[in-house]
Amino acid sequence: MKMNNNSYLRNINLNGRNVLYKLEYKKVKNINLRIRSDCSVYVSANNSITNSAIKEFLLKKSVFILKALNEYAEITKYKYSEHNYVTGESFRYLGKELRLIVTQGKNGVDFDGIYLTLNVTDVKDIVLKKNLIDKWYNAQCKMVSEEIIAETYRVFKKFIMDIPKLSLRDMISRWGSCQPKRGVLTLNKHLIETPRNALEYVIMHEFIHFLYSNHSNKFYEMLSVLMPDWKVRKNLLETTVLYNGTYYYP
């Protein structure tokens, strides 16, 4: 089904399951696949890519696609209870599941590696509880990211004059980006939910982009030398489900 000059709705059978996806032709080098938290599937490709090549690509990614769709469907099923901020709920931090404990007291969040204790003056105020948890997550993401950036900068110091400035954003379809001229490294703040070695991969990836703007052979050569297990880390990143995010396969 044609939506406009560059977009189409198409179906594909993946292991017996019919999957509807939106295909958009645009000026991109590779075939890009995104699976959003609303279970919609989006594919972008250059108009020189044949239909059979796109189909072959999706068939190869069938395990990844179906896993993402199943997990997002499960999350959607429980999304209202997941955000009530009551004792017993599960929150993800650096790839681990934390259990929430809500107590009445001075506003703040405590963390012991297993439990996330939310102290709040009004245990019925969901907005207050959400803001406190979000503030804690943002602070943790800043702290851990800056620590990894400092470690990574030691390797790049001879190539990059100054350590990049960190910017955290709530991004929909990207894990990170960089602006070499401004010396800014931007990270998706939801990365704090992923394993630490996945976060290290994203930061290493963006550091190399300060030297090579695209994904050239030199880019991957440098990545392989500095982080030999980058494919394992990338796979961890791609198989992490965020409660408010999007699967992105670059």
C-alpha atoms as a PDB file:
ATOM      1  CA  MET A   1       0.000   0.000   0.000  1.00  0.00           C
ATOM      2  CA  LYS A   2       1.434   3.355  -1.046  1.00  0.00           C
ATOM      3  CA  MET A   3       1.168   6.155   1.544  1.00  0.00           C
ATOM      4  CA  ASN A   4       2.939   8.939  -0.380  1.00  0.00           C
ATOM      5  CA  ASN A   5       5.712   9.305  -2.947  1.00  0.00           C
ATOM      6  CA  ASN A   6       8.356   7.782  -0.660  1.00  0.00           C
ATOM      7  CA  SER A   7       6.438   5.697   1.903  1.00  0.00           C
ATOM      8  CA  TYR A   8       4.719   2.317   1.700  1.00  0.00           C
ATOM      9  CA  LEU A   9       2.927  -0.065   4.065  1.00  0.00           C
ATOM     10  CA  ARG A  10       4.006  -3.659   3.525  1.00  0.00           C
ATOM     11  CA  ASN A  11       3.579  -7.080   5.092  1.00  0.00           C
ATOM     12  CA  ILE A  12       6.076  -9.835   5.667  1.00  0.00           C
ATOM     13  CA  ASN A  13       5.721 -13.292   7.180  1.00  0.00           C
ATOM     14  CA  LEU A  14       8.289 -13.901   9.908  1.00  0.00           C
ATOM     15  CA  ASN A  15       8.269 -17.429  11.322  1.00  0.00           C
ATOM     16  CA  GLY A  16       4.539 -17.746  10.707  1.00  0.00           C
ATOM     17  CA  ARG A  17       3.648 -14.294  12.041  1.00  0.00           C
ATOM     18  CA  ASN A  18       2.384 -11.563   9.725  1.00  0.00           C
ATOM     19  CA  VAL A  19       4.228  -8.305  10.441  1.00  0.00           C
ATOM     20  CA  LEU A  20       3.130  -4.956   9.025  1.00  0.00           C
ATOM     21  CA  TYR A  21       5.904  -2.418   8.482  1.00  0.00           C
ATOM     22  CA  LYS A  22       6.291   1.054   7.053  1.00  0.00           C
ATOM     23  CA  LEU A  23       8.952   1.392   4.355  1.00  0.00           C
ATOM     24  CA  GLU A  24      10.328   4.831   3.553  1.00  0.00           C
ATOM     25  CA  TYR A  25      12.810   5.535   0.788  1.00  0.00           C
ATOM     26  CA  LYS A  26      15.321   8.230   1.678  1.00  0.00           C
ATOM     27  CA  LYS A  27      18.959   9.171   1.204  1.00  0.00           C
ATOM     28  CA  VAL A  28      20.593   6.649   3.525  1.00  0.00           C
ATOM     29  CA  LYS A  29      23.523   4.303   2.984  1.00  0.00           C
ATOM     30  CA  ASN A  30      22.204   1.207   4.760  1.00  0.00           C
ATOM     31  CA  ILE A  31      18.868  -0.419   5.435  1.00  0.00           C
ATOM     32  CA  ASN A  32      17.694   0.915   8.807  1.00  0.00           C
ATOM     33  CA  LEU A  33      15.273  -0.893  11.091  1.00  0.00           C
ATOM     34  CA  ARG A  34      13.395   0.600  14.030  1.00  0.00           C
ATOM     35  CA  ILE A  35      10.815  -1.050  16.262  1.00  0.00           C
ATOM     36  CA  ARG A  36       8.986   1.432  18.432  1.00  0.00           C
ATOM     37  CA  SER A  37       7.362   0.925  21.808  1.00  0.00           C
ATOM     38  CA  ASP A  38       3.896   1.068  20.199  1.00  0.00           C
ATOM     39  CA  CYS A  39       4.905  -2.118  18.270  1.00  0.00           C
ATOM     40  CA  SER A  40       5.147  -0.293  14.940  1.00  0.00           C
ATOM     41  CA  VAL A  41       7.940  -1.384  12.592  1.00  0.00           C
ATOM     42  CA  TYR A  42       9.741   1.195  10.456  1.00  0.00           C
ATOM     43  CA  VAL A  43      12.266   0.535   7.686  1.00  0.00           C
ATOM     44  CA  SER A  44      14.196   3.147   5.719  1.00  0.00           C
ATOM     45  CA  ALA A  45      16.352   2.446   2.692  1.00  0.00           C
ATOM     46  CA  ASN A  46      17.849   4.042  -0.370  1.00  0.00           C
ATOM     47  CA  ASN A  47      15.588   3.816  -3.432  1.00  0.00           C
ATOM     48  CA  SER A  48      18.324   1.815  -5.156  1.00  0.00           C
ATOM     49  CA  ILE A  49      17.706  -1.081  -2.737  1.00  0.00           C
ATOM     50  CA  THR A  50      15.499  -3.779  -4.245  1.00  0.00           C
ATOM     51  CA  ASN A  51      12.374  -5.187  -2.595  1.00  0.00           C
ATOM     52  CA  SER A  52      13.984  -8.614  -2.416  1.00  0.00           C
ATOM     53  CA  ALA A  53      17.018  -7.170  -0.597  1.00  0.00           C
ATOM     54  CA  ILE A  54      14.761  -5.498   1.977  1.00  0.00           C
ATOM     55  CA  LYS A  55      12.814  -8.728   2.449  1.00  0.00           C
ATOM     56  CA  GLU A  56      16.040 -10.698   2.894  1.00  0.00           C
ATOM     57  CA  PHE A  57      17.254  -8.159   5.461  1.00  0.00           C
ATOM     58  CA  LEU A  58      14.026  -8.444   7.487  1.00  0.00           C
ATOM     59  CA  LEU A  59      14.088 -12.235   7.354  1.00  0.00           C
ATOM     60  CA  LYS A  60      17.636 -12.208   8.745  1.00  0.00           C
ATOM     61  CA  LYS A  61      16.462  -9.937  11.567  1.00  0.00           C
ATOM     62  CA  SER A  62      13.322 -11.982  12.264  1.00  0.00           C
ATOM     63  CA  VAL A  63      14.466 -13.164  15.716  1.00  0.00           C
ATOM     64  CA  PHE A  64      15.331  -9.603  16.734  1.00  0.00           C
ATOM     65  CA  ILE A  65      12.047  -8.202  15.357  1.00  0.00           C
ATOM     66  CA  LEU A  66       9.772 -10.785  16.954  1.00  0.00           C
ATOM     67  CA  LYS A  67      11.571 -10.579  20.299  1.00  0.00           C
ATOM     68  CA  ALA A  68      11.180  -6.797  20.331  1.00  0.00           C
ATOM     69  CA  LEU A  69       7.499  -6.961  19.358  1.00  0.00           C
ATOM     70  CA  ASN A  70       6.747  -9.585  22.007  1.00  0.00           C
ATOM     71  CA  GLU A  71       8.525  -7.697  24.772  1.00  0.00           C
ATOM     72  CA  TYR A  72       6.961  -4.371  23.849  1.00  0.00           C
ATOM     73  CA  ALA A  73       3.530  -6.023  23.778  1.00  0.00           C
ATOM     74  CA  GLU A  74       4.185  -7.375  27.294  1.00  0.00           C
ATOM     75  CA  ILE A  75       5.301  -3.952  28.511  1.00  0.00           C
ATOM     76  CA  THR A  76       2.229  -2.282  27.001  1.00  0.00           C
ATOM     77  CA  LYS A  77       0.072  -4.858  28.767  1.00  0.00           C
ATOM     78  CA  TYR A  78       1.392  -3.773  32.153  1.00  0.00           C
ATOM     79  CA  LYS A  79       2.331  -0.166  31.434  1.00  0.00           C
ATOM     80  CA  TYR A  80      -0.204   1.362  33.801  1.00  0.00           C
ATOM     81  CA  SER A  81       0.879  -0.674  36.823  1.00  0.00           C
ATOM     82  CA  GLU A  82       4.571  -0.109  35.956  1.00  0.00           C
ATOM     83  CA  HIS A  83       4.219   3.618  36.540  1.00  0.00           C
ATOM     84  CA  ASN A  84       2.234   3.736  39.755  1.00  0.00           C
ATOM     85  CA  TYR A  85       5.454   4.045  41.794  1.00  0.00           C
ATOM     86  CA  VAL A  86       4.372   1.655  44.533  1.00  0.00           C
ATOM     87  CA  THR A  87       6.365  -0.868  46.561  1.00  0.00           C
ATOM     88  CA  GLY A  88       7.266  -3.986  44.598  1.00  0.00           C
ATOM     89  CA  GLU A  89       7.531  -2.437  41.150  1.00  0.00           C
ATOM     90  CA  SER A  90      10.587  -3.201  39.034  1.00  0.00           C
ATOM     91  CA  PHE A  91      12.969  -0.591  37.612  1.00  0.00           C
ATOM     92  CA  ARG A  92      15.989  -1.211  35.415  1.00  0.00           C
ATOM     93  CA  TYR A  93      19.397   0.243  36.224  1.00  0.00           C
ATOM     94  CA  LEU A  94      22.595  -0.642  34.333  1.00  0.00           C
ATOM     95  CA  GLY A  95      20.967  -3.818  33.046  1.00  0.00           C
ATOM     96  CA  LYS A  96      19.784  -5.025  36.455  1.00  0.00           C
ATOM     97  CA  GLU A  97      16.266  -5.161  37.859  1.00  0.00           C
ATOM     98  CA  LEU A  98      15.720  -3.117  41.023  1.00  0.00           C
ATOM     99  CA  ARG A  99      12.745  -3.426  43.342  1.00  0.00           C
ATOM    100  CA  LEU A 100      11.075  -0.241  44.508  1.00  0.00           C
ATOM    101  CA  ILE A 101      10.305   0.396  48.180  1.00  0.00           C
ATOM    102  CA  VAL A 102       8.158   3.442  48.945  1.00  0.00           C
ATOM    103  CA  THR A 103       8.309   4.966  52.423  1.00  0.00           C
ATOM    104  CA  GLN A 104       6.975   8.184  53.931  1.00  0.00           C
ATOM    105  CA  GLY A 105       9.611  10.706  54.888  1.00  0.00           C
ATOM    106  CA  LYS A 106      11.838  13.463  53.551  1.00  0.00           C
ATOM    107  CA  ASN A 107      11.804  13.502  49.738  1.00  0.00           C
ATOM    108  CA  GLY A 108      14.708  11.548  48.269  1.00  0.00           C
ATOM    109  CA  VAL A 109      15.896   8.286  46.721  1.00  0.00           C
ATOM    110  CA  ASP A 110      18.284   5.728  48.238  1.00  0.00           C
ATOM    111  CA  PHE A 111      19.934   2.875  46.350  1.00  0.00           C
ATOM    112  CA  ASP A 112      21.720  -0.160  47.813  1.00  0.00           C
ATOM    113  CA  GLY A 113      22.330  -2.160  44.632  1.00  0.00           C
ATOM    114  CA  ILE A 114      19.199  -4.272  44.981  1.00  0.00           C
ATOM    115  CA  TYR A 115      16.460  -1.972  46.237  1.00  0.00           C
ATOM    116  CA  LEU A 116      15.477   1.521  45.161  1.00  0.00           C
ATOM    117  CA  THR A 117      13.971   3.223  48.201  1.00  0.00           C
ATOM    118  CA  LEU A 118      11.745   6.180  47.442  1.00  0.00           C
ATOM    119  CA  ASN A 119      11.206   8.420  50.452  1.00  0.00           C
ATOM    120  CA  VAL A 120       8.355  10.830  49.854  1.00  0.00           C
ATOM    121  CA  THR A 121       6.282  13.200  51.984  1.00  0.00           C
ATOM    122  CA  ASP A 122       3.048  12.112  50.306  1.00  0.00           C
ATOM    123  CA  VAL A 123       2.987   8.443  49.224  1.00  0.00           C
ATOM    124  CA  LYS A 124      -0.177   9.072  47.189  1.00  0.00           C
ATOM    125  CA  ASP A 125       1.343  11.836  45.049  1.00  0.00           C
ATOM    126  CA  ILE A 126       2.276   9.997  41.809  1.00  0.00           C
ATOM    127  CA  VAL A 127       3.624  13.135  40.115  1.00  0.00           C
ATOM    128  CA  LEU A 128       5.967  13.838  43.031  1.00  0.00           C
ATOM    129  CA  LYS A 129       7.155  10.224  43.094  1.00  0.00           C
ATOM    130  CA  LYS A 130       7.760  10.194  39.341  1.00  0.00           C
ATOM    131  CA  ASN A 131       9.728  13.455  39.480  1.00  0.00           C
ATOM    132  CA  LEU A 132      11.945  12.140  42.284  1.00  0.00           C
ATOM    133  CA  ILE A 133      12.685   8.890  40.433  1.00  0.00           C
ATOM    134  CA  ASP A 134      13.359  10.759  37.166  1.00  0.00           C
ATOM    135  CA  LYS A 135      15.704  13.177  38.961  1.00  0.00           C
ATOM    136  CA  TRP A 136      17.606  10.247  40.483  1.00  0.00           C
ATOM    137  CA  TYR A 137      17.918   8.481  37.113  1.00  0.00           C
ATOM    138  CA  ASN A 138      19.166  11.654  35.415  1.00  0.00           C
ATOM    139  CA  ALA A 139      21.770  12.205  38.140  1.00  0.00           C
ATOM    140  CA  GLN A 140      22.934   8.588  37.882  1.00  0.00           C
ATOM    141  CA  CYS A 141      23.165   8.781  34.095  1.00  0.00           C
ATOM    142  CA  LYS A 142      25.234  11.963  34.317  1.00  0.00           C
ATOM    143  CA  MET A 143      27.566  10.516  36.940  1.00  0.00           C
ATOM    144  CA  VAL A 144      28.161   7.156  35.207  1.00  0.00           C
ATOM    145  CA  SER A 145      28.445   8.715  31.725  1.00  0.00           C
ATOM    146  CA  GLU A 146      30.961  11.338  32.841  1.00  0.00           C
ATOM    147  CA  GLU A 147      33.014   8.619  34.530  1.00  0.00           C
ATOM    148  CA  ILE A 148      33.130   6.544  31.313  1.00  0.00           C
ATOM    149  CA  ILE A 149      33.812   9.625  29.181  1.00  0.00           C
ATOM    150  CA  ALA A 150      36.810  10.493  31.373  1.00  0.00           C
ATOM    151  CA  GLU A 151      38.137   6.922  31.026  1.00  0.00           C
ATOM    152  CA  THR A 152      37.635   6.920  27.255  1.00  0.00           C
ATOM    153  CA  TYR A 153      39.171  10.364  26.827  1.00  0.00           C
ATOM    154  CA  ARG A 154      42.521   9.051  28.074  1.00  0.00           C
ATOM    155  CA  VAL A 155      42.720   6.948  24.894  1.00  0.00           C
ATOM    156  CA  PHE A 156      41.706   9.844  22.625  1.00  0.00           C
ATOM    157  CA  LYS A 157      43.624  12.646  24.323  1.00  0.00           C
ATOM    158  CA  LYS A 158      46.281  12.690  21.616  1.00  0.00           C
ATOM    159  CA  PHE A 159      43.577  13.047  18.938  1.00  0.00           C
ATOM    160  CA  ILE A 160      41.056  15.323  20.664  1.00  0.00           C
ATOM    161  CA  MET A 161      42.239  18.516  22.324  1.00  0.00           C
ATOM    162  CA  ASP A 162      39.532  18.875  25.001  1.00  0.00           C
ATOM    163  CA  ILE A 163      37.296  16.380  26.759  1.00  0.00           C
ATOM    164  CA  PRO A 164      33.809  16.498  25.205  1.00  0.00           C
ATOM    165  CA  LYS A 165      30.964  18.174  27.054  1.00  0.00           C
ATOM    166  CA  LEU A 166      28.138  15.821  27.987  1.00  0.00           C
ATOM    167  CA  SER A 167      24.540  16.482  27.010  1.00  0.00           C
ATOM    168  CA  LEU A 168      21.705  14.155  28.068  1.00  0.00           C
ATOM    169  CA  ARG A 169      18.482  13.977  26.112  1.00  0.00           C
ATOM    170  CA  ASP A 170      15.350  11.855  25.931  1.00  0.00           C
ATOM    171  CA  MET A 171      15.881  10.635  22.363  1.00  0.00           C
ATOM    172  CA  ILE A 172      13.415   8.461  20.475  1.00  0.00           C
ATOM    173  CA  SER A 173      15.499   6.709  17.836  1.00  0.00           C
ATOM    174  CA  ARG A 174      19.148   7.220  18.729  1.00  0.00           C
ATOM    175  CA  TRP A 175      21.446   6.136  21.528  1.00  0.00           C
ATOM    176  CA  GLY A 176      23.912   8.942  20.998  1.00  0.00           C
ATOM    177  CA  SER A 177      25.337  11.613  18.707  1.00  0.00           C
ATOM    178  CA  CYS A 178      28.242  14.035  18.649  1.00  0.00           C
ATOM    179  CA  GLN A 179      29.050  17.540  17.424  1.00  0.00           C
ATOM    180  CA  PRO A 180      32.823  17.633  16.827  1.00  0.00           C
ATOM    181  CA  LYS A 181      32.972  21.376  16.100  1.00  0.00           C
ATOM    182  CA  ARG A 182      31.221  22.196  19.378  1.00  0.00           C
ATOM    183  CA  GLY A 183      32.926  19.400  21.303  1.00  0.00           C
ATOM    184  CA  VAL A 184      29.594  18.012  22.515  1.00  0.00           C
ATOM    185  CA  LEU A 185      28.717  14.343  23.063  1.00  0.00           C
ATOM    186  CA  THR A 186      24.969  13.742  23.427  1.00  0.00           C
ATOM    187  CA  LEU A 187      23.605  10.566  25.011  1.00  0.00           C
ATOM    188  CA  ASN A 188      20.134   9.131  25.351  1.00  0.00           C
ATOM    189  CA  LYS A 189      19.407   9.413  29.070  1.00  0.00           C
ATOM    190  CA  HIS A 190      17.691   5.995  29.005  1.00  0.00           C
ATOM    191  CA  LEU A 191      21.109   4.406  28.496  1.00  0.00           C
ATOM    192  CA  ILE A 192      21.333   4.243  32.295  1.00  0.00           C
ATOM    193  CA  GLU A 193      18.884   1.333  32.024  1.00  0.00           C
ATOM    194  CA  THR A 194      21.251  -0.681  29.813  1.00  0.00           C
ATOM    195  CA  PRO A 195      24.296  -2.698  30.973  1.00  0.00           C
ATOM    196  CA  ARG A 196      27.373  -0.582  31.683  1.00  0.00           C
ATOM    197  CA  ASN A 197      29.416  -2.233  28.930  1.00  0.00           C
ATOM    198  CA  ALA A 198      26.679  -1.279  26.448  1.00  0.00           C
ATOM    199  CA  LEU A 199      26.935   2.334  27.618  1.00  0.00           C
ATOM    200  CA  GLU A 200      30.721   2.112  27.214  1.00  0.00           C
ATOM    201  CA  TYR A 201      30.174   0.941  23.628  1.00  0.00           C
ATOM    202  CA  VAL A 202      27.958   3.938  22.787  1.00  0.00           C
ATOM    203  CA  ILE A 203      30.467   6.385  24.233  1.00  0.00           C
ATOM    204  CA  MET A 204      33.379   4.726  22.406  1.00  0.00           C
ATOM    205  CA  HIS A 205      31.297   4.763  19.212  1.00  0.00           C
ATOM    206  CA  GLU A 206      30.667   8.506  19.514  1.00  0.00           C
ATOM    207  CA  PHE A 207      34.286   9.282  20.433  1.00  0.00           C
ATOM    208  CA  ILE A 208      35.426   7.666  17.181  1.00  0.00           C
ATOM    209  CA  HIS A 209      32.896   9.816  15.315  1.00  0.00           C
ATOM    210  CA  PHE A 210      34.906  12.823  16.466  1.00  0.00           C
ATOM    211  CA  LEU A 211      37.590  11.485  14.135  1.00  0.00           C
ATOM    212  CA  TYR A 212      35.494   9.791  11.425  1.00  0.00           C
ATOM    213  CA  SER A 213      32.085  11.301  10.693  1.00  0.00           C
ATOM    214  CA  ASN A 214      30.673   8.238   8.925  1.00  0.00           C
ATOM    215  CA  HIS A 215      30.829   4.477   9.371  1.00  0.00           C
ATOM    216  CA  SER A 216      33.782   3.982   7.073  1.00  0.00           C
ATOM    217  CA  ASN A 217      36.226   1.080   7.109  1.00  0.00           C
ATOM    218  CA  LYS A 218      38.614   3.235   9.138  1.00  0.00           C
ATOM    219  CA  PHE A 219      35.863   3.853  11.681  1.00  0.00           C
ATOM    220  CA  TYR A 220      35.274   0.129  12.223  1.00  0.00           C
ATOM    221  CA  GLU A 221      38.991  -0.648  12.151  1.00  0.00           C
ATOM    222  CA  MET A 222      39.570   1.763  15.014  1.00  0.00           C
ATOM    223  CA  LEU A 223      36.525   0.486  16.900  1.00  0.00           C
ATOM    224  CA  SER A 224      37.730  -3.115  16.571  1.00  0.00           C
ATOM    225  CA  VAL A 225      41.203  -2.237  17.842  1.00  0.00           C
ATOM    226  CA  LEU A 226      39.996  -0.196  20.826  1.00  0.00           C
ATOM    227  CA  MET A 227      37.010  -2.402  21.683  1.00  0.00           C
ATOM    228  CA  PRO A 228      37.441  -5.930  20.213  1.00  0.00           C
ATOM    229  CA  ASP A 229      34.138  -7.142  21.718  1.00  0.00           C
ATOM    230  CA  TRP A 230      32.068  -4.230  20.379  1.00  0.00           C
ATOM    231  CA  LYS A 231      29.670  -6.549  18.530  1.00  0.00           C
ATOM    232  CA  VAL A 232      28.800  -8.334  21.777  1.00  0.00           C
ATOM    233  CA  ARG A 233      28.210  -4.998  23.489  1.00  0.00           C
ATOM    234  CA  LYS A 234      26.134  -3.754  20.564  1.00  0.00           C
ATOM    235  CA  ASN A 235      23.983  -6.868  20.758  1.00  0.00           C
ATOM    236  CA  LEU A 236      23.385  -6.213  24.469  1.00  0.00           C
ATOM    237  CA  LEU A 237      22.245  -2.721  23.582  1.00  0.00           C
ATOM    238  CA  GLU A 238      19.888  -3.914  20.869  1.00  0.00           C
ATOM    239  CA  THR A 239      18.278  -6.555  23.064  1.00  0.00           C
ATOM    240  CA  THR A 240      17.608  -4.176  25.960  1.00  0.00           C
ATOM    241  CA  VAL A 241      13.965  -3.154  26.212  1.00  0.00           C
ATOM    242  CA  LEU A 242      13.259   0.315  27.568  1.00  0.00           C
ATOM    243  CA  TYR A 243       9.942   1.157  29.136  1.00  0.00           C
ATOM    244  CA  ASN A 244       9.768   4.409  27.154  1.00  0.00           C
ATOM    245  CA  GLY A 245      12.006   3.936  24.156  1.00  0.00           C
ATOM    246  CA  THR A 246      12.574   2.541  20.712  1.00  0.00           C
ATOM    247  CA  TYR A 247      14.638  -0.319  19.394  1.00  0.00           C
ATOM    248  CA  TYR A 248      17.120   1.097  16.928  1.00  0.00           C
ATOM    249  CA  TYR A 249      19.236  -0.968  14.582  1.00  0.00           C
ATOM    250  CA  PRO A 250      21.750   1.344  12.783  1.00  0.00           C
END
